[in-house]
Amino acid sequence: MAYQTFRQEYLQVPPVTRAYTTACVLTTAAVVNNKNKLSHLNSCIYLILQVWRLITNYLFFGPVGFNFLFNMIFLYRYCRMLEEGSFRGRTADFVFMFLFGGFLMTLFGLFVNLVFLGQAFTIMLVYVWSRRNPYVRMNFFGLLIFQAPFLPWVLMGFSLLLGNSIIVDLLGIAVGHIYFFLEDVFPNQPGGGRLLRTPSVLKAIFDTPEDDRNYNPLPEERPGGFAWGEGQRLGG
């Protein structure tokens, strides 16, 4: 009975969120004692021989513990809210954001000597969600109340308090801002235009045909449920 309930809940998670979070949990659990096999290296020749490292370094979140749990909750939470919110019915566009953000992070990560980029990728998702939901009011650990666009900066401050490097957070914020600017801001500026276009091959693979009567996206999930990221819409 418990298995059936878990399976039903698991299958209700939108596909990109389900696939990515599952891959992160399984990869971290499987190689927690041999993480060097997953990291990307600066050697171009080595990358050509083992291209899989470009993907797996986004799936490892460190030893299983508080930081891992914290990152997994935020990853699942904001990835799902994006997929069920502004990317509802636009799976191909969501996958393209993953690819675009991953490409920029891999490129920038070479210059700041970052090996594992999963946490930075999570911050990117949080940043994009926060900018697209500017009127949501957040409650962080019951100590701070602020508007959603400040959430990535609050998380960066929290990382600093824990003694972690803020380079990871800054990278996620930078890549998230580049995507948000190119996708949401620049097209609406005088003389602007849409520079990011999802390849048709991704649309053919991931997007559900409009005439599919069986397609019924989940209702958009309101933020809330955890004391360190709980939110409420103003006026709601």
C-alpha atoms as a PDB file:
ATOM      1  CA  MET A   1       0.000   0.000   0.000  1.00  0.00           C
ATOM      2  CA  ALA A   2       2.798   2.388   0.929  1.00  0.00           C
ATOM      3  CA  TYR A   3       4.630   1.499  -2.277  1.00  0.00           C
ATOM      4  CA  GLN A   4       1.558   2.191  -4.402  1.00  0.00           C
ATOM      5  CA  THR A   5       1.064   5.557  -2.706  1.00  0.00           C
ATOM      6  CA  PHE A   6       4.716   6.489  -3.201  1.00  0.00           C
ATOM      7  CA  ARG A   7       4.628   5.348  -6.831  1.00  0.00           C
ATOM      8  CA  GLN A   8       1.491   7.374  -7.508  1.00  0.00           C
ATOM      9  CA  GLU A   9       2.965  10.500  -5.930  1.00  0.00           C
ATOM     10  CA  TYR A  10       6.256   9.966  -7.743  1.00  0.00           C
ATOM     11  CA  LEU A  11       4.591   9.665 -11.138  1.00  0.00           C
ATOM     12  CA  GLN A  12       2.642  12.879 -10.516  1.00  0.00           C
ATOM     13  CA  VAL A  13       5.892  14.846 -10.392  1.00  0.00           C
ATOM     14  CA  PRO A  14       6.414  16.563 -13.789  1.00  0.00           C
ATOM     15  CA  PRO A  15       8.896  14.702 -16.017  1.00  0.00           C
ATOM     16  CA  VAL A  16      11.906  17.027 -16.032  1.00  0.00           C
ATOM     17  CA  THR A  17      11.805  17.553 -12.264  1.00  0.00           C
ATOM     18  CA  ARG A  18      11.307  13.832 -11.689  1.00  0.00           C
ATOM     19  CA  ALA A  19      14.172  12.823 -13.961  1.00  0.00           C
ATOM     20  CA  TYR A  20      16.659  15.397 -12.668  1.00  0.00           C
ATOM     21  CA  THR A  21      16.029  14.976  -8.940  1.00  0.00           C
ATOM     22  CA  THR A  22      16.046  11.186  -9.257  1.00  0.00           C
ATOM     23  CA  ALA A  23      19.348  11.293 -11.138  1.00  0.00           C
ATOM     24  CA  CYS A  24      20.835  13.603  -8.486  1.00  0.00           C
ATOM     25  CA  VAL A  25      19.793  11.377  -5.579  1.00  0.00           C
ATOM     26  CA  LEU A  26      20.930   8.136  -7.224  1.00  0.00           C
ATOM     27  CA  THR A  27      24.229   9.567  -8.460  1.00  0.00           C
ATOM     28  CA  THR A  28      25.121  11.145  -5.129  1.00  0.00           C
ATOM     29  CA  ALA A  29      24.244   7.967  -3.227  1.00  0.00           C
ATOM     30  CA  ALA A  30      26.156   5.737  -5.642  1.00  0.00           C
ATOM     31  CA  VAL A  31      29.437   7.631  -5.850  1.00  0.00           C
ATOM     32  CA  VAL A  32      29.650   9.578  -2.604  1.00  0.00           C
ATOM     33  CA  ASN A  33      33.031   7.960  -1.897  1.00  0.00           C
ATOM     34  CA  ASN A  34      34.416   8.327  -5.412  1.00  0.00           C
ATOM     35  CA  LYS A  35      33.301  11.775  -6.526  1.00  0.00           C
ATOM     36  CA  ASN A  36      36.369  12.492  -8.662  1.00  0.00           C
ATOM     37  CA  LYS A  37      34.969  10.249 -11.375  1.00  0.00           C
ATOM     38  CA  LEU A  38      32.083  12.646 -11.875  1.00  0.00           C
ATOM     39  CA  SER A  39      33.822  15.992 -12.016  1.00  0.00           C
ATOM     40  CA  HIS A  40      34.678  17.835 -15.203  1.00  0.00           C
ATOM     41  CA  LEU A  41      38.350  18.561 -15.753  1.00  0.00           C
ATOM     42  CA  ASN A  42      40.026  21.449 -17.522  1.00  0.00           C
ATOM     43  CA  SER A  43      41.735  19.191 -20.027  1.00  0.00           C
ATOM     44  CA  CYS A  44      39.885  19.439 -23.336  1.00  0.00           C
ATOM     45  CA  ILE A  45      41.316  16.116 -24.482  1.00  0.00           C
ATOM     46  CA  TYR A  46      40.079  14.416 -21.341  1.00  0.00           C
ATOM     47  CA  LEU A  47      36.638  15.935 -21.795  1.00  0.00           C
ATOM     48  CA  ILE A  48      36.475  14.594 -25.327  1.00  0.00           C
ATOM     49  CA  LEU A  49      37.281  11.100 -24.089  1.00  0.00           C
ATOM     50  CA  GLN A  50      34.817  11.254 -21.182  1.00  0.00           C
ATOM     51  CA  VAL A  51      32.073  13.685 -22.168  1.00  0.00           C
ATOM     52  CA  TRP A  52      29.752  12.175 -19.570  1.00  0.00           C
ATOM     53  CA  ARG A  53      31.592  14.204 -16.915  1.00  0.00           C
ATOM     54  CA  LEU A  54      29.971  17.337 -18.352  1.00  0.00           C
ATOM     55  CA  ILE A  55      26.625  15.930 -17.218  1.00  0.00           C
ATOM     56  CA  THR A  56      27.439  14.050 -14.036  1.00  0.00           C
ATOM     57  CA  ASN A  57      29.085  17.022 -12.323  1.00  0.00           C
ATOM     58  CA  TYR A  58      25.566  18.520 -12.174  1.00  0.00           C
ATOM     59  CA  LEU A  59      24.237  15.429 -10.387  1.00  0.00           C
ATOM     60  CA  PHE A  60      26.542  15.287  -7.359  1.00  0.00           C
ATOM     61  CA  PHE A  61      25.683  17.351  -4.274  1.00  0.00           C
ATOM     62  CA  GLY A  62      28.313  16.237  -1.794  1.00  0.00           C
ATOM     63  CA  PRO A  63      28.156  13.809   1.123  1.00  0.00           C
ATOM     64  CA  VAL A  64      24.716  12.799   2.318  1.00  0.00           C
ATOM     65  CA  GLY A  65      23.877  15.123   5.192  1.00  0.00           C
ATOM     66  CA  PHE A  66      22.233  18.453   5.993  1.00  0.00           C
ATOM     67  CA  ASN A  67      23.669  20.273   2.974  1.00  0.00           C
ATOM     68  CA  PHE A  68      22.588  17.474   0.655  1.00  0.00           C
ATOM     69  CA  LEU A  69      19.064  17.432   2.087  1.00  0.00           C
ATOM     70  CA  PHE A  70      18.843  21.236   1.944  1.00  0.00           C
ATOM     71  CA  ASN A  71      19.933  21.304  -1.693  1.00  0.00           C
ATOM     72  CA  MET A  72      17.614  18.459  -2.707  1.00  0.00           C
ATOM     73  CA  ILE A  73      14.598  20.148  -1.147  1.00  0.00           C
ATOM     74  CA  PHE A  74      15.313  23.440  -2.889  1.00  0.00           C
ATOM     75  CA  LEU A  75      16.106  21.722  -6.180  1.00  0.00           C
ATOM     76  CA  TYR A  76      12.890  19.684  -6.164  1.00  0.00           C
ATOM     77  CA  ARG A  77      10.771  22.545  -4.907  1.00  0.00           C
ATOM     78  CA  TYR A  78      11.747  25.301  -7.327  1.00  0.00           C
ATOM     79  CA  CYS A  79      12.344  23.042 -10.302  1.00  0.00           C
ATOM     80  CA  ARG A  80       8.813  21.687  -9.902  1.00  0.00           C
ATOM     81  CA  MET A  81       7.266  25.120  -9.395  1.00  0.00           C
ATOM     82  CA  LEU A  82       8.936  26.370 -12.568  1.00  0.00           C
ATOM     83  CA  GLU A  83       7.845  23.329 -14.552  1.00  0.00           C
ATOM     84  CA  GLU A  84       4.258  23.539 -13.312  1.00  0.00           C
ATOM     85  CA  GLY A  85       4.184  27.336 -13.456  1.00  0.00           C
ATOM     86  CA  SER A  86       5.782  29.446 -16.170  1.00  0.00           C
ATOM     87  CA  PHE A  87       6.899  26.345 -18.097  1.00  0.00           C
ATOM     88  CA  ARG A  88       3.578  24.520 -17.874  1.00  0.00           C
ATOM     89  CA  GLY A  89       2.945  22.822 -21.215  1.00  0.00           C
ATOM     90  CA  ARG A  90       6.411  23.964 -22.400  1.00  0.00           C
ATOM     91  CA  THR A  91       8.620  21.025 -21.505  1.00  0.00           C
ATOM     92  CA  ALA A  92      10.917  21.602 -24.480  1.00  0.00           C
ATOM     93  CA  ASP A  93      11.529  25.207 -23.400  1.00  0.00           C
ATOM     94  CA  PHE A  94      12.319  23.988 -19.882  1.00  0.00           C
ATOM     95  CA  VAL A  95      14.796  21.420 -21.197  1.00  0.00           C
ATOM     96  CA  PHE A  96      16.357  24.128 -23.357  1.00  0.00           C
ATOM     97  CA  MET A  97      16.810  26.307 -20.260  1.00  0.00           C
ATOM     98  CA  PHE A  98      18.624  23.371 -18.636  1.00  0.00           C
ATOM     99  CA  LEU A  99      20.909  23.026 -21.656  1.00  0.00           C
ATOM    100  CA  PHE A 100      21.543  26.762 -21.988  1.00  0.00           C
ATOM    101  CA  GLY A 101      22.230  27.205 -18.276  1.00  0.00           C
ATOM    102  CA  GLY A 102      24.404  24.098 -18.148  1.00  0.00           C
ATOM    103  CA  PHE A 103      26.486  25.284 -21.099  1.00  0.00           C
ATOM    104  CA  LEU A 104      27.134  28.700 -19.538  1.00  0.00           C
ATOM    105  CA  MET A 105      27.946  27.208 -16.134  1.00  0.00           C
ATOM    106  CA  THR A 106      30.393  24.730 -17.622  1.00  0.00           C
ATOM    107  CA  LEU A 107      32.080  27.566 -19.508  1.00  0.00           C
ATOM    108  CA  PHE A 108      32.210  29.972 -16.559  1.00  0.00           C
ATOM    109  CA  GLY A 109      33.120  27.175 -14.145  1.00  0.00           C
ATOM    110  CA  LEU A 110      36.406  26.662 -15.965  1.00  0.00           C
ATOM    111  CA  PHE A 111      37.473  30.211 -15.065  1.00  0.00           C
ATOM    112  CA  VAL A 112      36.574  30.009 -11.364  1.00  0.00           C
ATOM    113  CA  ASN A 113      37.815  26.436 -10.904  1.00  0.00           C
ATOM    114  CA  LEU A 114      34.471  24.955  -9.841  1.00  0.00           C
ATOM    115  CA  VAL A 115      34.310  21.187 -10.144  1.00  0.00           C
ATOM    116  CA  PHE A 116      30.735  20.352  -9.160  1.00  0.00           C
ATOM    117  CA  LEU A 117      27.993  22.641 -10.436  1.00  0.00           C
ATOM    118  CA  GLY A 118      24.778  21.119  -9.095  1.00  0.00           C
ATOM    119  CA  GLN A 119      24.340  23.697  -6.335  1.00  0.00           C
ATOM    120  CA  ALA A 120      24.949  26.575  -8.756  1.00  0.00           C
ATOM    121  CA  PHE A 121      22.337  25.063 -11.075  1.00  0.00           C
ATOM    122  CA  THR A 122      19.844  24.986  -8.203  1.00  0.00           C
ATOM    123  CA  ILE A 123      20.489  28.669  -7.499  1.00  0.00           C
ATOM    124  CA  MET A 124      19.861  29.401 -11.176  1.00  0.00           C
ATOM    125  CA  LEU A 125      16.435  27.732 -10.941  1.00  0.00           C
ATOM    126  CA  VAL A 126      15.659  29.651  -7.745  1.00  0.00           C
ATOM    127  CA  TYR A 127      16.708  32.928  -9.393  1.00  0.00           C
ATOM    128  CA  VAL A 128      14.520  32.456 -12.467  1.00  0.00           C
ATOM    129  CA  TRP A 129      11.523  31.464 -10.336  1.00  0.00           C
ATOM    130  CA  SER A 130      12.029  34.412  -7.980  1.00  0.00           C
ATOM    131  CA  ARG A 131      12.186  36.936 -10.820  1.00  0.00           C
ATOM    132  CA  ARG A 132       9.044  35.518 -12.407  1.00  0.00           C
ATOM    133  CA  ASN A 133       7.173  35.663  -9.098  1.00  0.00           C
ATOM    134  CA  PRO A 134       8.217  39.095  -7.770  1.00  0.00           C
ATOM    135  CA  TYR A 135       5.183  39.603  -5.526  1.00  0.00           C
ATOM    136  CA  VAL A 136       5.493  36.370  -3.563  1.00  0.00           C
ATOM    137  CA  ARG A 137       6.422  37.014   0.065  1.00  0.00           C
ATOM    138  CA  MET A 138       8.975  34.593   1.525  1.00  0.00           C
ATOM    139  CA  ASN A 139       9.565  33.438   5.080  1.00  0.00           C
ATOM    140  CA  PHE A 140      13.088  32.156   5.733  1.00  0.00           C
ATOM    141  CA  PHE A 141      13.369  30.001   8.870  1.00  0.00           C
ATOM    142  CA  GLY A 142      10.738  32.224  10.452  1.00  0.00           C
ATOM    143  CA  LEU A 143      13.406  34.913  10.869  1.00  0.00           C
ATOM    144  CA  LEU A 144      13.255  36.912   7.650  1.00  0.00           C
ATOM    145  CA  ILE A 145      10.297  38.035   5.555  1.00  0.00           C
ATOM    146  CA  PHE A 146      11.079  39.420   2.123  1.00  0.00           C
ATOM    147  CA  GLN A 147       9.952  39.500  -1.495  1.00  0.00           C
ATOM    148  CA  ALA A 148      10.839  36.548  -3.732  1.00  0.00           C
ATOM    149  CA  PRO A 149      13.513  38.353  -5.838  1.00  0.00           C
ATOM    150  CA  PHE A 150      15.684  38.591  -2.721  1.00  0.00           C
ATOM    151  CA  LEU A 151      15.649  34.813  -2.147  1.00  0.00           C
ATOM    152  CA  PRO A 152      18.856  33.980  -4.090  1.00  0.00           C
ATOM    153  CA  TRP A 153      20.734  36.654  -2.150  1.00  0.00           C
ATOM    154  CA  VAL A 154      19.380  35.395   1.166  1.00  0.00           C
ATOM    155  CA  LEU A 155      20.550  31.897   0.250  1.00  0.00           C
ATOM    156  CA  MET A 156      23.971  33.292  -0.608  1.00  0.00           C
ATOM    157  CA  GLY A 157      24.144  34.980   2.793  1.00  0.00           C
ATOM    158  CA  PHE A 158      23.109  31.715   4.437  1.00  0.00           C
ATOM    159  CA  SER A 159      25.918  29.901   2.598  1.00  0.00           C
ATOM    160  CA  LEU A 160      28.356  32.535   3.816  1.00  0.00           C
ATOM    161  CA  LEU A 161      27.210  32.012   7.413  1.00  0.00           C
ATOM    162  CA  LEU A 162      27.813  28.280   7.022  1.00  0.00           C
ATOM    163  CA  GLY A 163      31.375  28.985   5.902  1.00  0.00           C
ATOM    164  CA  ASN A 164      30.824  28.014   2.272  1.00  0.00           C
ATOM    165  CA  SER A 165      32.201  29.818  -0.755  1.00  0.00           C
ATOM    166  CA  ILE A 166      29.749  32.232  -2.341  1.00  0.00           C
ATOM    167  CA  ILE A 167      31.297  31.723  -5.789  1.00  0.00           C
ATOM    168  CA  VAL A 168      28.824  28.892  -6.377  1.00  0.00           C
ATOM    169  CA  ASP A 169      25.861  31.124  -5.527  1.00  0.00           C
ATOM    170  CA  LEU A 170      27.190  34.014  -7.607  1.00  0.00           C
ATOM    171  CA  LEU A 171      27.624  31.723 -10.603  1.00  0.00           C
ATOM    172  CA  GLY A 172      24.046  30.483 -10.298  1.00  0.00           C
ATOM    173  CA  ILE A 173      22.725  34.035  -9.937  1.00  0.00           C
ATOM    174  CA  ALA A 174      24.759  35.255 -12.923  1.00  0.00           C
ATOM    175  CA  VAL A 175      23.599  32.474 -15.243  1.00  0.00           C
ATOM    176  CA  GLY A 176      20.020  32.786 -14.005  1.00  0.00           C
ATOM    177  CA  HIS A 177      20.083  36.522 -14.694  1.00  0.00           C
ATOM    178  CA  ILE A 178      21.469  36.028 -18.198  1.00  0.00           C
ATOM    179  CA  TYR A 179      18.672  33.604 -19.014  1.00  0.00           C
ATOM    180  CA  PHE A 180      15.994  35.793 -17.432  1.00  0.00           C
ATOM    181  CA  PHE A 181      17.237  38.888 -19.255  1.00  0.00           C
ATOM    182  CA  LEU A 182      17.414  37.198 -22.658  1.00  0.00           C
ATOM    183  CA  GLU A 183      14.093  35.391 -22.268  1.00  0.00           C
ATOM    184  CA  ASP A 184      11.905  37.819 -20.298  1.00  0.00           C
ATOM    185  CA  VAL A 185      13.428  41.314 -20.410  1.00  0.00           C
ATOM    186  CA  PHE A 186      15.198  41.937 -23.710  1.00  0.00           C
ATOM    187  CA  PRO A 187      12.315  40.768 -25.985  1.00  0.00           C
ATOM    188  CA  ASN A 188      10.092  43.434 -24.392  1.00  0.00           C
ATOM    189  CA  GLN A 189      12.583  46.280 -24.793  1.00  0.00           C
ATOM    190  CA  PRO A 190      12.364  48.809 -27.667  1.00  0.00           C
ATOM    191  CA  GLY A 191      14.353  47.311 -30.495  1.00  0.00           C
ATOM    192  CA  GLY A 192      14.700  44.061 -28.600  1.00  0.00           C
ATOM    193  CA  GLY A 193      13.884  40.594 -29.788  1.00  0.00           C
ATOM    194  CA  ARG A 194      13.878  36.960 -28.770  1.00  0.00           C
ATOM    195  CA  LEU A 195      17.415  35.612 -28.910  1.00  0.00           C
ATOM    196  CA  LEU A 196      16.740  32.273 -27.238  1.00  0.00           C
ATOM    197  CA  ARG A 197      14.731  29.927 -29.414  1.00  0.00           C
ATOM    198  CA  THR A 198      14.096  26.326 -28.480  1.00  0.00           C
ATOM    199  CA  PRO A 199      15.296  23.992 -31.260  1.00  0.00           C
ATOM    200  CA  SER A 200      12.479  22.269 -33.110  1.00  0.00           C
ATOM    201  CA  VAL A 201      13.997  18.878 -32.351  1.00  0.00           C
ATOM    202  CA  LEU A 202      13.429  19.463 -28.626  1.00  0.00           C
ATOM    203  CA  LYS A 203       9.840  20.505 -29.272  1.00  0.00           C
ATOM    204  CA  ALA A 204       9.258  17.361 -31.322  1.00  0.00           C
ATOM    205  CA  ILE A 205      10.644  15.186 -28.522  1.00  0.00           C
ATOM    206  CA  PHE A 206       9.255  16.803 -25.382  1.00  0.00           C
ATOM    207  CA  ASP A 207       6.191  18.914 -26.114  1.00  0.00           C
ATOM    208  CA  THR A 208       2.759  17.337 -25.852  1.00  0.00           C
ATOM    209  CA  PRO A 209       0.617  17.836 -28.972  1.00  0.00           C
ATOM    210  CA  GLU A 210      -2.120  20.407 -28.418  1.00  0.00           C
ATOM    211  CA  ASP A 211      -4.803  18.012 -29.666  1.00  0.00           C
ATOM    212  CA  ASP A 212      -3.940  15.348 -27.077  1.00  0.00           C
ATOM    213  CA  ARG A 213      -7.104  15.148 -24.975  1.00  0.00           C
ATOM    214  CA  ASN A 214      -5.369  13.018 -22.346  1.00  0.00           C
ATOM    215  CA  TYR A 215      -2.904  15.790 -21.506  1.00  0.00           C
ATOM    216  CA  ASN A 216      -3.844  17.381 -18.199  1.00  0.00           C
ATOM    217  CA  PRO A 217      -1.041  19.371 -16.515  1.00  0.00           C
ATOM    218  CA  LEU A 218      -0.948  19.526 -12.756  1.00  0.00           C
ATOM    219  CA  PRO A 219      -2.233  22.746 -11.156  1.00  0.00           C
ATOM    220  CA  GLU A 220       0.463  25.260 -10.344  1.00  0.00           C
ATOM    221  CA  GLU A 221       1.937  24.623  -6.945  1.00  0.00           C
ATOM    222  CA  ARG A 222       1.900  27.577  -4.575  1.00  0.00           C
ATOM    223  CA  PRO A 223       5.129  28.141  -2.664  1.00  0.00           C
ATOM    224  CA  GLY A 224       5.074  26.946   0.888  1.00  0.00           C
ATOM    225  CA  GLY A 225       5.450  23.879   3.024  1.00  0.00           C
ATOM    226  CA  PHE A 226       8.933  24.501   4.398  1.00  0.00           C
ATOM    227  CA  ALA A 227       9.784  27.091   7.014  1.00  0.00           C
ATOM    228  CA  TRP A 228      12.915  28.252   5.204  1.00  0.00           C
ATOM    229  CA  GLY A 229      11.245  29.061   1.915  1.00  0.00           C
ATOM    230  CA  GLU A 230       7.576  29.501   2.666  1.00  0.00           C
ATOM    231  CA  GLY A 231       5.840  32.105   0.571  1.00  0.00           C
ATOM    232  CA  GLN A 232       2.524  33.815   0.127  1.00  0.00           C
ATOM    233  CA  ARG A 233       1.272  36.002  -2.674  1.00  0.00           C
ATOM    234  CA  LEU A 234       0.490  39.544  -1.721  1.00  0.00           C
ATOM    235  CA  GLY A 235      -3.218  40.162  -1.691  1.00  0.00           C
ATOM    236  CA  GLY A 236      -3.902  36.420  -1.669  1.00  0.00           C
END
